[in-house]
Amino acid sequence: MVDYHSAGQPYPYGGNGLGPNGDYMAQEDDWDRDLLLDPAWEKQQRKTFTAWCNSHLRKAGTQIENIDEDFRDGLKLMLLLEVISGERLPKPERGKMRVHKINNVNKALDFIASKGVKLVSIGAEEIVDGNAKMTLGMIWTIILRFAIQDISVEETSAKEGLLLWCQRKTAPYKNVNVQNFHISWKDGLAFNALIHRHRPELIEYDKLRKDDPVTNLNNAFEVAEKYLDIPKMLDAEDIVNTARPDEKAIMTYVSSFYHAFSGAQKAETAANRICKVLAVNQENEHLMEDYEKLASDLLEWIKRTIPWLEDRSPQKTIQEMQQKLEDFRDYRRIHKPPKVQEKCQLEINFNTLQTKLRLSNRPAFMPSEGKMVLDINNGWQHLEQAEKGYEEWLLNEIRRLERLDHLAEKFRQKASIHEAWTEGKEAMLKQKDYETATLSDIKALIRKHEAFESDLAAHQDRVEQIAAIAQELNELDYYDSPSVNARCQKICDQWDVLGSLTHSRREALEKTEKQLEMIDELHLEYAKRAAPFNNWMESAMEDLQDMFIVHTIEEIEGLIAAHDQFKSTLPDADKEREAILGIQREAQRIADFNSIKLSGNNPYTSVTPQIINSKWERVQQLVPKRDHALLDEQSKQQSNEHLRRQFASQANIVGPWIQTKMEEIGRISIEMNGTLEDQLNHLKQYEQSIVDYKPNIDLLEQQHQLIQEALIFDNKHTNYTMEHIRVGWEQLLTTIARTINEVENQILTRDAKGISQEQMQEFRASFNHFDKGDAEFNRIMSVVDPNNSGIVTFQAFIDFMSRETTDTDTADQVIASFKVLAGDKNYITAEELLRELPPDQAEYCIARMAPYQGPDTVPGALDYKSFSTALYGESDL
């Protein structure tokens, strides 16, 4: 390395000594260069520069003890530069090797060079090696650049500016004549004069004596350290006992006084600006909190209601489902209407708040996540979708339960008939009466068994019907399916047993048949014809007692036609009955003619003429009962048709009326003339005319109630459902309320901005002919449509036009004001806020400022930059 003495450097530490703005250090006389070797000079600079560094490093929670040792690894040097510049340096290397230290120091030197300071003969190796003179020279370069260079007084800067500032401030004081930064300060009066000029309560200047420099210096240094937060950088004895105090040390010390006092006069202006901004923001925050609470309450109600509407837990009975339907009707009539009004009021409050924010030059209010008007509309849409699906489910579930009840009753009837038929059949098939029977008895038993098999086959269809009904009940999730399945399984198992026993008995009878030949053909013929006729009568009785469920006139008329068709077959059935009874009479006649004594009943069948006549009489009784039931149902369906037509007639009037009113509101909002007050009165009168139409909606609700109570599920006479009418009515009320709110906000904007009626009409004309264009259009759209909804209201357009010429506070101005209060630090403390601002607004800032996270942070440091940008909705750059 070249020695700066032998190389004839104009600046004793290396570097050009000029800084970027002047050559104030270019001329150093021979006497000053010789002083570099003076131990007193080195002691003063060590103490002053160490104190100056620590005054900044304490902001980052650290300090140095030995200036040429503690900067050797470059870590605290980089930290010092970050604190005084407010900028972030490259990440330091944490290794302990020499190369790591050199790299860190080079990063610091590169940063100094990036600020316009040329470093000559000061290298990283000298700093790492602990070269005291090079280290002091580097620190002096930093002090020049960051503490002295930017001082400007009456068109002079740096050293000359600082000297002129001292001369102006001390001019009125006796025995003070500041001409330089060395001997002019030896007696201490200049230091005391600076303090007294700015803080007269701290110094009793008239009691100071020029011949007592040590006392004067100690007094100034102690007062500065205690009340001005300026650390003691020199000892009074070092200055007094030196022929010429070190100029760099004095300049460094004096610059601290300059920076301490220069910001005081700005504090009051900065505090006033902050108070104004905070007052506006506090008012707006109250409005935002009100919106957040109302939105939270409405969203919470929606959140609670949707799970109830989405609950699809089926009930076991129609009565339970009808109770659910009644609860749903209460929700529609009682619980939902107030929430519709709250939703409308919430949108009106939101628009009013946005208008006030625009008038105070604040960013558009962005509710917390999930509480935007769009979020509420989405939640409401979800609610109505769940509501619609819930009603459809209720109606379908009632239909399903009706179907299940019908099927279950049908199953029980058929099962009871079958169980009654099978009673005793198993015991009959197991008896061995053929072992002791005569030939005629055997032949009778064979014929009787054949008749039983015919009867058994005839009952096969009923068993299959019972199994099919049980299967359908399972598929429809009938609540009592286990008992149905158990009963069905018992019937099927018994049917299998009867089939097996029937087969076994036939084999036994056929084995014995070869020994028996006599047979009573007439009895056999009777049995063969009586059995199917008996089955037909049983089936007819079952059908005549069968339950039915219909929903339309066409369905009941179909059942009536089928019943009429059945009645038309009765004459032929009566002829068959007479024929069967004739066979029995013929057998008896032959027996009597041939003196044959019959043993009793027909041995081939249990169906006696008395049974046939009894069942036939029962059929004759059931026919008129069936007629009456069908006619009653027909009357009911005719009444339901009347209800459908009555509802359709009213709905076909109300539906088009609502649509017409919606279209009229659209035209009125565009074509309105006259003053805003006239327009507002006209809209409110129009709104009242809509409210007066409410009885027609209520009448339609009553008719819809009758339809639902009658369990009518469709209406072919109209395309309008009650749900369509309700939604249209709610949209109509919401649309007129929004239109009225827009005019009210226009009046609020007009009064706040002083816009005349002619200007308002001109804005309206410009708005109606507004067309998309270039990048300027995109800028305007970002202002009038901050939420990117794709829609620009006339209110937003008025706000934009009136705001274009308004000069208001900005986030940068507020940040600059806070920086003044903070003493040029990148953070501010609670004590500083309480000292400079009114108590309520100071507490407001303390409660909302985030902790400062910079490298120079200290306990209790607050981040005023992010707070200021948040006030205006800007990102913290």
Foldseek 3Di string as FASTA:
>chain_A
DDQCVVVVQQANQFFNCAFQPGNPSRHDDPVLNVCVPPPLQLVLLQLLLQLLLQLQLVLLPDGDDGQLAPCLQLPSLQLSCCFLVVDHFPDQDPDPDNVSSQVNNVSSVVVLVVLVTGGGPQHSVCSNVSVSSNSSVVSLSVCQRRQFQQQADPNDGGQVSLQVVLCVQQVVPPPQDRDAQKPSPLQLLSLLSLCCSQPVVQDPSVPDDSVRSQVNNVSSQVSCVPPQVRHRRGHSCSRNVDPIHHRSSSSSSSSSSVLSRVLPVLLQVLQVQLVVLLVLLVVLVVLLVVLQVLLVVLLVVLVVQLVVLQDLDADQALVVLVVVVVVLVCCVPPVVPVSLVSLLVSVLSLVLSQLSCLLQLFDRDDHPPQRDNVSSVVSVVSSVVSSVVSVVSSLVSSVLNVVLVQLVVLLVVLLVVLCVVCVCLLVVLPDDVVVPDDLALLQLVLLLLVLVVVLLVLCVVSLVVSVVSLVVSVVSPNVPSVVSVVSNVVSVVVNVSSVVSSVVSNVVSVVCNVVHDDYDVLLSVLSNLLSVLLSVLVVLLSVLPRDDDDQALVVLVVVVVVLVVVVVCVVVSVVSLVVSVVSVVVSVVVCVVVVHDDPDDRSNDPCDNVNVVVSNVVSVVSSVVSVVVSVVVSVLNVVLLVLLVVLQVLCVVLVVVLVVLVVVLVVCLLPPDDFLVVSLVVLVVVLVVLVVCVVSLVVSVVSVVVNVVSSNDDHPSHPDDNSNSVVSSSVSNSSSSVSSSLSVSVVVLCVSLVPDRVNLVVLSVCVVVPDDDDVVSVVLCCQQPVVPPVDGDSSSSSSSVSCPPDDHDDLVSSCVSVCSLQSNGQWRALVSLPVSHPVVSSVVCLVPFDADDDSSHDPRTTHVSCVSCVRRPHDRD
